N, C-alpha and C. Protein backbone atom coordinates (compact mmCIF):
# COMPACT_ATOMS: atom_id res chain seq x y z
N MET A 1 -80.38 197.82 62.16
CA MET A 1 -81.02 197.58 61.39
C MET A 1 -81.16 198.47 60.07
N ILE A 2 -80.86 198.21 58.73
CA ILE A 2 -81.03 199.12 57.52
C ILE A 2 -82.59 199.17 57.20
N ASP A 3 -82.90 200.50 57.39
CA ASP A 3 -84.38 200.75 56.50
C ASP A 3 -84.48 199.84 55.08
N VAL A 4 -85.83 199.34 55.00
CA VAL A 4 -85.89 198.36 53.54
C VAL A 4 -86.00 199.51 52.45
N LYS A 5 -86.51 200.72 52.82
CA LYS A 5 -86.61 201.70 51.83
C LYS A 5 -85.06 202.06 51.17
N VAL A 6 -84.14 202.31 51.99
CA VAL A 6 -82.74 202.54 51.67
C VAL A 6 -82.28 201.72 50.88
N GLN A 7 -82.62 200.23 51.05
CA GLN A 7 -82.23 199.24 50.69
C GLN A 7 -82.49 199.05 49.01
N LYS A 8 -83.84 199.56 48.95
CA LYS A 8 -84.39 199.56 47.71
C LYS A 8 -83.76 200.46 47.06
N MET A 9 -83.69 201.59 47.56
CA MET A 9 -82.57 203.03 46.78
C MET A 9 -81.53 202.31 46.41
N GLU A 10 -80.64 201.69 47.51
CA GLU A 10 -79.24 201.34 47.13
C GLU A 10 -79.20 200.44 45.92
N TYR A 11 -80.19 199.48 45.65
CA TYR A 11 -80.53 198.58 44.39
C TYR A 11 -80.66 199.23 43.34
N MET A 12 -81.38 200.18 43.72
CA MET A 12 -81.90 200.92 42.37
C MET A 12 -80.63 201.42 41.66
N PHE A 13 -79.73 202.05 42.30
CA PHE A 13 -78.49 202.97 42.00
C PHE A 13 -77.33 201.79 41.58
N LYS A 14 -77.57 200.67 41.84
CA LYS A 14 -76.49 199.45 41.05
C LYS A 14 -76.98 198.91 39.91
N ARG A 15 -78.27 198.86 39.77
CA ARG A 15 -78.75 198.16 38.63
C ARG A 15 -78.71 199.10 37.27
N PHE A 16 -78.58 198.60 36.43
CA PHE A 16 -78.34 199.36 34.93
C PHE A 16 -79.62 198.97 34.08
N THR A 17 -80.17 199.71 33.21
CA THR A 17 -81.15 199.36 32.27
C THR A 17 -80.37 199.29 31.20
N GLU A 18 -81.05 198.38 30.60
CA GLU A 18 -80.44 197.88 29.29
C GLU A 18 -81.64 197.63 28.15
N MET A 19 -80.95 198.40 26.75
CA MET A 19 -82.29 198.54 25.91
C MET A 19 -81.45 198.32 24.46
N HIS A 20 -82.17 197.61 23.56
CA HIS A 20 -81.58 197.29 22.51
C HIS A 20 -82.41 198.42 20.99
N LEU A 21 -81.69 198.94 20.38
CA LEU A 21 -82.76 200.08 19.23
C LEU A 21 -82.45 199.20 18.22
N PRO A 22 -83.09 198.83 17.28
CA PRO A 22 -82.97 198.21 16.24
C PRO A 22 -82.86 199.31 14.86
N PHE A 23 -81.83 200.20 15.20
CA PHE A 23 -81.80 201.41 14.04
C PHE A 23 -80.25 201.03 13.68
N LEU A 24 -79.94 201.59 12.66
CA LEU A 24 -78.50 201.79 12.27
C LEU A 24 -77.99 202.95 13.22
N PRO A 25 -76.48 202.83 13.62
CA PRO A 25 -76.05 204.16 14.15
C PRO A 25 -76.08 205.34 13.57
N VAL A 26 -76.61 206.49 13.95
CA VAL A 26 -76.54 207.81 13.25
C VAL A 26 -75.32 208.77 13.92
N ALA A 27 -74.43 209.56 13.54
CA ALA A 27 -73.77 210.27 13.89
C ALA A 27 -74.13 211.55 13.95
N TRP A 28 -73.96 212.32 15.11
CA TRP A 28 -74.49 213.92 15.28
C TRP A 28 -73.75 214.72 14.17
N THR A 29 -74.83 215.57 13.45
CA THR A 29 -73.89 216.50 12.87
C THR A 29 -74.63 218.08 13.28
N ALA A 30 -73.65 218.79 12.90
CA ALA A 30 -74.10 220.29 13.22
C ALA A 30 -75.52 220.71 12.59
N PRO A 31 -76.46 221.58 12.94
CA PRO A 31 -77.41 221.89 12.07
C PRO A 31 -76.75 222.92 10.95
N ARG A 32 -77.18 222.60 9.83
CA ARG A 32 -77.10 223.50 8.46
C ARG A 32 -77.97 224.43 8.20
N GLN A 33 -77.47 225.66 7.16
CA GLN A 33 -78.30 226.62 7.09
C GLN A 33 -78.69 226.88 5.99
N THR A 34 -79.64 227.27 5.15
CA THR A 34 -79.85 227.48 3.64
C THR A 34 -79.29 228.91 3.48
N ARG A 35 -79.17 229.31 2.33
CA ARG A 35 -79.09 230.75 1.79
C ARG A 35 -79.75 231.68 2.23
N SER A 36 -81.22 231.51 2.73
CA SER A 36 -82.03 232.32 3.33
C SER A 36 -82.20 232.34 4.87
N GLY A 37 -81.48 231.63 5.49
CA GLY A 37 -81.24 231.80 6.72
C GLY A 37 -82.08 230.37 7.38
N PHE A 38 -82.63 229.62 6.91
CA PHE A 38 -83.27 228.64 7.41
C PHE A 38 -82.46 227.46 8.13
N MET A 39 -82.83 227.49 9.28
CA MET A 39 -81.89 226.12 10.09
C MET A 39 -82.58 224.76 9.95
N TYR A 40 -81.88 223.85 9.58
CA TYR A 40 -82.17 222.37 9.58
C TYR A 40 -81.11 221.47 10.07
N SER A 41 -81.58 220.27 10.32
CA SER A 41 -81.05 218.89 10.72
C SER A 41 -81.15 217.81 9.55
N ILE A 42 -79.88 217.36 9.36
CA ILE A 42 -80.16 216.50 8.21
C ILE A 42 -80.57 215.07 8.75
N HIS A 43 -80.61 214.73 9.78
CA HIS A 43 -80.97 213.67 10.91
C HIS A 43 -82.16 213.80 11.76
N ARG A 44 -83.11 214.70 11.11
CA ARG A 44 -84.13 215.04 12.00
C ARG A 44 -85.03 213.88 12.22
N LYS A 45 -85.29 213.36 10.93
CA LYS A 45 -86.17 212.19 10.76
C LYS A 45 -85.64 210.66 11.54
N ASP A 46 -84.37 210.67 11.31
CA ASP A 46 -83.76 209.81 12.40
C ASP A 46 -84.02 209.89 13.94
N LYS A 47 -83.67 211.05 14.18
CA LYS A 47 -83.96 211.60 15.34
C LYS A 47 -85.40 211.23 16.01
N VAL A 48 -86.42 211.39 15.46
CA VAL A 48 -87.87 211.60 15.47
C VAL A 48 -88.35 210.11 15.71
N LYS A 49 -87.37 208.96 14.86
CA LYS A 49 -87.78 207.77 14.81
C LYS A 49 -87.35 207.01 16.22
N ILE A 50 -86.04 207.49 16.55
CA ILE A 50 -85.52 206.96 17.60
C ILE A 50 -86.07 207.29 18.70
N GLN A 51 -86.82 208.56 19.08
CA GLN A 51 -87.29 209.10 20.09
C GLN A 51 -88.32 208.56 20.18
N ALA A 52 -89.47 208.22 19.13
CA ALA A 52 -90.64 207.45 19.33
C ALA A 52 -90.69 206.19 19.62
N TYR A 53 -89.59 205.43 19.30
CA TYR A 53 -89.12 204.04 19.63
C TYR A 53 -88.76 203.80 21.34
N LEU A 54 -88.01 204.99 21.87
CA LEU A 54 -87.87 205.07 23.14
C LEU A 54 -88.73 205.41 24.23
N ARG A 55 -89.76 206.45 23.72
CA ARG A 55 -91.15 206.59 24.32
C ARG A 55 -91.73 205.30 24.57
N LYS A 56 -92.17 204.53 23.16
CA LYS A 56 -92.79 202.97 23.49
C LYS A 56 -92.08 202.52 24.61
N ILE A 57 -90.70 202.17 24.71
CA ILE A 57 -90.24 200.94 25.59
C ILE A 57 -89.80 201.52 26.74
N TYR A 58 -89.57 202.97 26.82
CA TYR A 58 -89.22 203.09 28.07
C TYR A 58 -90.27 204.33 28.94
N ARG A 59 -91.11 203.34 29.74
CA ARG A 59 -92.45 204.24 30.39
C ARG A 59 -91.80 204.80 31.91
N LYS A 60 -90.69 204.78 32.08
CA LYS A 60 -90.12 205.36 33.65
C LYS A 60 -90.18 207.06 33.75
N ALA A 61 -90.04 207.75 34.26
CA ALA A 61 -89.74 209.18 34.71
C ALA A 61 -88.51 209.17 34.21
N PRO A 62 -88.08 210.40 33.71
CA PRO A 62 -86.74 210.92 33.16
C PRO A 62 -85.89 210.70 34.42
N ILE A 63 -84.72 210.38 34.21
CA ILE A 63 -83.70 210.60 35.33
C ILE A 63 -83.12 212.07 35.70
N ASN A 64 -83.36 212.35 36.84
CA ASN A 64 -83.03 213.92 37.12
C ASN A 64 -81.69 213.67 38.15
N CYS A 65 -80.54 212.88 37.89
CA CYS A 65 -79.24 213.09 38.50
C CYS A 65 -78.25 212.47 37.63
N GLY A 66 -76.86 212.32 38.28
CA GLY A 66 -75.85 212.47 37.48
C GLY A 66 -76.22 210.67 36.89
N LEU A 67 -75.65 210.32 35.66
CA LEU A 67 -76.03 209.19 35.34
C LEU A 67 -74.69 208.59 34.71
N GLU A 68 -74.58 207.25 34.47
CA GLU A 68 -73.55 206.60 33.57
C GLU A 68 -74.41 205.87 32.60
N LEU A 69 -73.70 206.14 31.52
CA LEU A 69 -74.46 205.53 30.20
C LEU A 69 -72.98 205.00 29.25
N HIS A 70 -73.48 203.85 28.87
CA HIS A 70 -72.58 202.97 27.64
C HIS A 70 -73.36 202.71 26.80
N ALA A 71 -72.77 203.02 25.42
CA ALA A 71 -73.38 202.72 24.17
C ALA A 71 -72.51 201.72 23.48
N LYS A 72 -73.24 200.60 22.78
CA LYS A 72 -72.60 199.93 21.70
C LYS A 72 -73.06 200.27 20.40
N PHE A 73 -72.24 200.54 19.32
CA PHE A 73 -72.71 200.58 17.90
C PHE A 73 -72.35 199.78 17.18
N TYR A 74 -73.49 198.91 16.52
CA TYR A 74 -73.05 197.43 15.66
C TYR A 74 -73.48 198.10 14.06
N TYR A 75 -72.49 198.19 13.55
CA TYR A 75 -72.41 198.14 11.85
C TYR A 75 -72.86 197.14 10.97
N PRO A 76 -73.71 197.06 10.07
CA PRO A 76 -74.07 195.74 9.63
C PRO A 76 -72.81 195.65 8.51
N LEU A 77 -72.27 194.78 8.17
CA LEU A 77 -71.17 194.39 6.81
C LEU A 77 -71.94 194.72 5.57
N PRO A 78 -71.00 195.33 5.15
CA PRO A 78 -71.46 195.84 3.48
C PRO A 78 -71.75 194.70 2.42
N LYS A 79 -72.96 194.40 1.91
CA LYS A 79 -73.24 193.45 0.97
C LYS A 79 -72.28 193.21 0.00
N SER A 80 -71.69 194.33 -0.48
CA SER A 80 -70.68 194.00 -1.61
C SER A 80 -69.35 193.36 -1.27
N TYR A 81 -69.31 193.34 0.28
CA TYR A 81 -67.83 192.50 0.42
C TYR A 81 -67.76 191.08 0.08
N SER A 82 -66.60 190.51 -0.07
CA SER A 82 -66.74 188.78 -0.16
C SER A 82 -66.77 188.37 1.24
N LYS A 83 -66.94 187.09 1.26
CA LYS A 83 -67.25 186.41 2.36
C LYS A 83 -65.69 186.68 3.38
N LYS A 84 -64.68 186.50 2.44
CA LYS A 84 -63.60 186.87 3.03
C LYS A 84 -63.18 187.87 3.99
N LYS A 85 -63.60 188.78 3.26
CA LYS A 85 -63.75 190.27 3.92
C LYS A 85 -64.62 190.57 5.02
N LYS A 86 -65.60 189.95 4.62
CA LYS A 86 -66.58 189.99 6.10
C LYS A 86 -66.17 189.24 7.03
N ALA A 87 -65.43 188.18 7.03
CA ALA A 87 -64.77 186.99 8.10
C ALA A 87 -63.82 188.43 8.56
N ALA A 88 -62.85 188.70 7.66
CA ALA A 88 -62.03 189.53 8.24
C ALA A 88 -62.40 190.66 9.33
N LEU A 89 -63.31 191.44 9.06
CA LEU A 89 -64.00 192.44 9.58
C LEU A 89 -64.59 191.74 10.99
N LEU A 90 -65.24 190.65 10.88
CA LEU A 90 -66.01 190.17 12.08
C LEU A 90 -64.62 189.75 13.15
N LYS A 91 -63.62 189.49 12.51
CA LYS A 91 -62.58 188.94 13.41
C LYS A 91 -61.91 190.14 13.99
N GLN A 92 -61.87 191.08 13.08
CA GLN A 92 -61.15 192.62 13.92
C GLN A 92 -62.01 193.10 14.80
N LYS A 93 -63.31 192.66 14.96
CA LYS A 93 -64.25 193.43 15.87
C LYS A 93 -64.53 194.66 15.85
N TYR A 94 -63.79 195.61 16.05
CA TYR A 94 -64.01 197.09 16.11
C TYR A 94 -63.91 197.67 14.99
N LYS A 95 -65.09 198.58 14.51
CA LYS A 95 -65.10 199.53 13.33
C LYS A 95 -63.92 200.38 13.61
N LEU A 96 -63.24 200.58 12.73
CA LEU A 96 -62.03 201.75 13.03
C LEU A 96 -62.05 202.77 12.03
N THR A 97 -63.35 202.91 11.23
CA THR A 97 -63.45 203.79 10.18
C THR A 97 -64.49 205.10 10.58
N VAL A 98 -65.16 206.12 9.85
CA VAL A 98 -65.70 207.12 10.39
C VAL A 98 -67.21 206.39 10.28
N PRO A 99 -68.21 206.95 11.09
CA PRO A 99 -67.80 208.40 12.03
C PRO A 99 -67.17 207.90 13.12
N ASP A 100 -66.67 209.11 13.83
CA ASP A 100 -66.21 209.02 15.39
C ASP A 100 -67.30 208.38 16.45
N GLY A 101 -66.85 207.84 17.29
CA GLY A 101 -67.64 207.26 17.98
C GLY A 101 -68.24 208.47 19.25
N SER A 102 -67.24 209.48 19.42
CA SER A 102 -68.03 210.87 20.03
C SER A 102 -69.54 211.63 19.25
N ASN A 103 -69.21 211.60 18.09
CA ASN A 103 -70.38 211.79 17.42
C ASN A 103 -71.89 210.92 17.46
N LEU A 104 -71.30 209.54 17.53
CA LEU A 104 -72.48 208.52 17.78
C LEU A 104 -73.02 208.95 19.05
N PHE A 105 -72.22 209.09 19.93
CA PHE A 105 -72.90 209.26 21.55
C PHE A 105 -73.39 210.20 21.60
N LYS A 106 -72.95 211.68 21.08
CA LYS A 106 -73.88 212.61 21.13
C LYS A 106 -75.30 212.46 20.74
N PHE A 107 -75.38 212.08 19.32
CA PHE A 107 -76.77 211.73 18.72
C PHE A 107 -77.47 210.80 19.92
N ILE A 108 -77.41 209.88 20.47
CA ILE A 108 -77.80 209.18 21.10
C ILE A 108 -78.17 210.03 22.55
N GLU A 109 -77.19 210.63 23.09
CA GLU A 109 -77.26 211.57 24.17
C GLU A 109 -78.80 212.47 23.72
N ASP A 110 -78.67 213.25 22.59
CA ASP A 110 -79.84 214.00 22.46
C ASP A 110 -81.01 213.23 22.18
N CYS A 111 -81.12 212.25 21.55
CA CYS A 111 -82.40 211.31 21.54
C CYS A 111 -82.90 211.13 22.74
N GLY A 112 -82.05 210.64 23.83
CA GLY A 112 -82.75 210.32 25.08
C GLY A 112 -83.10 211.65 25.77
N THR A 113 -82.74 212.53 25.56
CA THR A 113 -82.90 213.83 26.60
C THR A 113 -84.56 214.16 26.45
N GLY A 114 -85.06 214.40 27.69
CA GLY A 114 -86.28 214.51 27.84
C GLY A 114 -87.25 213.16 28.12
N ILE A 115 -86.67 212.08 27.80
CA ILE A 115 -87.13 210.72 27.55
C ILE A 115 -86.80 209.67 28.52
N MET A 116 -85.35 209.56 28.61
CA MET A 116 -85.02 208.72 29.66
C MET A 116 -83.99 209.36 30.80
N TRP A 117 -83.53 210.62 30.08
CA TRP A 117 -82.88 211.56 31.30
C TRP A 117 -83.49 212.97 30.84
N VAL A 118 -83.49 213.49 32.06
CA VAL A 118 -83.88 214.99 31.85
C VAL A 118 -83.01 216.17 30.93
N ASP A 119 -81.78 215.80 31.17
CA ASP A 119 -80.78 216.80 30.35
C ASP A 119 -79.65 216.15 29.88
N ASP A 120 -79.04 216.17 28.71
CA ASP A 120 -77.89 215.11 28.38
C ASP A 120 -76.51 215.67 29.03
N ARG A 121 -76.72 216.84 29.80
CA ARG A 121 -75.28 217.46 30.71
C ARG A 121 -75.48 216.51 32.09
N LEU A 122 -76.19 215.42 32.53
CA LEU A 122 -76.47 214.95 33.41
C LEU A 122 -75.49 213.67 33.19
N VAL A 123 -75.18 213.59 32.27
CA VAL A 123 -74.15 212.10 31.88
C VAL A 123 -72.68 212.64 32.19
N VAL A 124 -72.64 211.86 33.40
CA VAL A 124 -71.16 211.93 33.85
C VAL A 124 -69.94 211.12 33.66
N LYS A 125 -70.71 210.12 33.21
CA LYS A 125 -69.62 208.68 33.17
C LYS A 125 -70.08 208.25 31.81
N HIS A 126 -69.32 207.97 30.82
CA HIS A 126 -69.81 207.25 29.31
C HIS A 126 -68.65 206.47 28.73
N SER A 127 -69.16 205.78 27.71
CA SER A 127 -68.62 205.26 26.93
C SER A 127 -69.24 204.63 25.78
N ALA A 128 -68.40 204.52 24.42
CA ALA A 128 -68.67 204.16 23.26
C ALA A 128 -67.78 203.21 22.50
N GLU A 129 -68.38 202.40 21.84
CA GLU A 129 -67.59 200.87 21.37
C GLU A 129 -68.40 201.09 19.88
N LYS A 130 -67.67 200.92 18.89
CA LYS A 130 -68.14 200.66 17.46
C LYS A 130 -67.63 199.42 17.07
N TYR A 131 -68.48 198.57 16.50
CA TYR A 131 -68.53 197.04 16.21
C TYR A 131 -69.01 196.73 14.94
N TRP A 132 -68.78 195.81 13.97
CA TRP A 132 -69.02 195.11 13.24
C TRP A 132 -69.49 194.11 13.35
N ALA A 133 -70.82 193.85 12.96
CA ALA A 133 -71.93 192.62 12.87
C ALA A 133 -72.94 192.62 11.89
N GLU A 134 -73.14 191.24 11.75
CA GLU A 134 -74.16 190.52 10.65
C GLU A 134 -75.49 191.80 10.52
N THR A 135 -75.78 192.19 11.74
CA THR A 135 -76.94 193.15 11.62
C THR A 135 -76.59 194.17 12.24
N GLY A 136 -77.37 195.50 12.14
CA GLY A 136 -76.72 196.77 12.87
C GLY A 136 -77.87 196.96 13.95
N GLY A 137 -77.42 197.80 14.47
CA GLY A 137 -78.20 198.23 15.91
C GLY A 137 -77.32 198.96 16.78
N ILE A 138 -77.95 199.46 17.96
CA ILE A 138 -77.39 199.96 19.34
C ILE A 138 -77.84 199.45 20.14
N PHE A 139 -77.19 199.51 21.10
CA PHE A 139 -77.37 198.77 22.64
C PHE A 139 -76.73 199.79 23.58
N LEU A 140 -77.87 199.93 24.36
CA LEU A 140 -77.71 201.20 25.57
C LEU A 140 -77.65 200.51 26.79
N LYS A 141 -76.83 201.06 27.52
CA LYS A 141 -76.92 200.51 29.18
C LYS A 141 -76.80 201.83 30.12
N PHE A 142 -77.50 201.85 30.99
CA PHE A 142 -77.41 203.29 31.66
C PHE A 142 -77.94 203.21 33.02
N ARG A 143 -77.59 203.93 34.31
CA ARG A 143 -78.13 203.51 35.15
C ARG A 143 -77.69 205.05 36.41
N PRO A 144 -78.53 205.62 36.92
CA PRO A 144 -78.49 206.54 37.98
C PRO A 144 -77.22 206.36 38.80
N LEU A 145 -76.26 207.68 38.98
CA LEU A 145 -75.47 207.44 40.13
C LEU A 145 -75.86 208.38 41.45
N LYS A 146 -75.80 207.39 42.36
CA LYS A 146 -76.21 207.78 43.60
C LYS A 146 -75.34 208.96 44.04
N SER A 147 -74.09 209.22 43.86
CA SER A 147 -73.10 210.19 44.60
C SER A 147 -73.49 211.45 43.70
N VAL A 148 -73.66 211.49 42.72
CA VAL A 148 -74.15 212.69 41.73
C VAL A 148 -75.65 213.03 41.86
N VAL A 149 -76.17 213.82 42.77
CA VAL A 149 -77.48 214.48 42.88
C VAL A 149 -77.48 215.72 42.65
N ILE A 150 -78.46 216.26 41.85
CA ILE A 150 -78.62 217.74 41.41
C ILE A 150 -79.45 218.28 42.73
């Protein structure tokens, strides 16, 4: 007979947490430096906004073991495009232009650090996809991995 606690633990590791962030995707960029030596990030405001939203919707303790993270980035169609061009982009499905998926993913990893997971080094399995859509947004799906424990 299997212990009920073990069954609950097994179930927890199989289940994904899914969330939608109603923000336009932002790519990670290296911090910049002024002539006087002051370091700053051009996306600081975006990061603070996303982190505040994550704190509001994710109320669990941060994950402290290896985790699997999948992200889908939806870009809104440009308003200046014709209906024909918009239809072609939606049919194409994937967004093939800049920014690259790895920088988008890095930004999301940084935003989730300390809120959803203890550190972004814990992400051991991941994927990032870029799509065209009617409205922009970010869809996250993640779960802890039982086999990768610190």
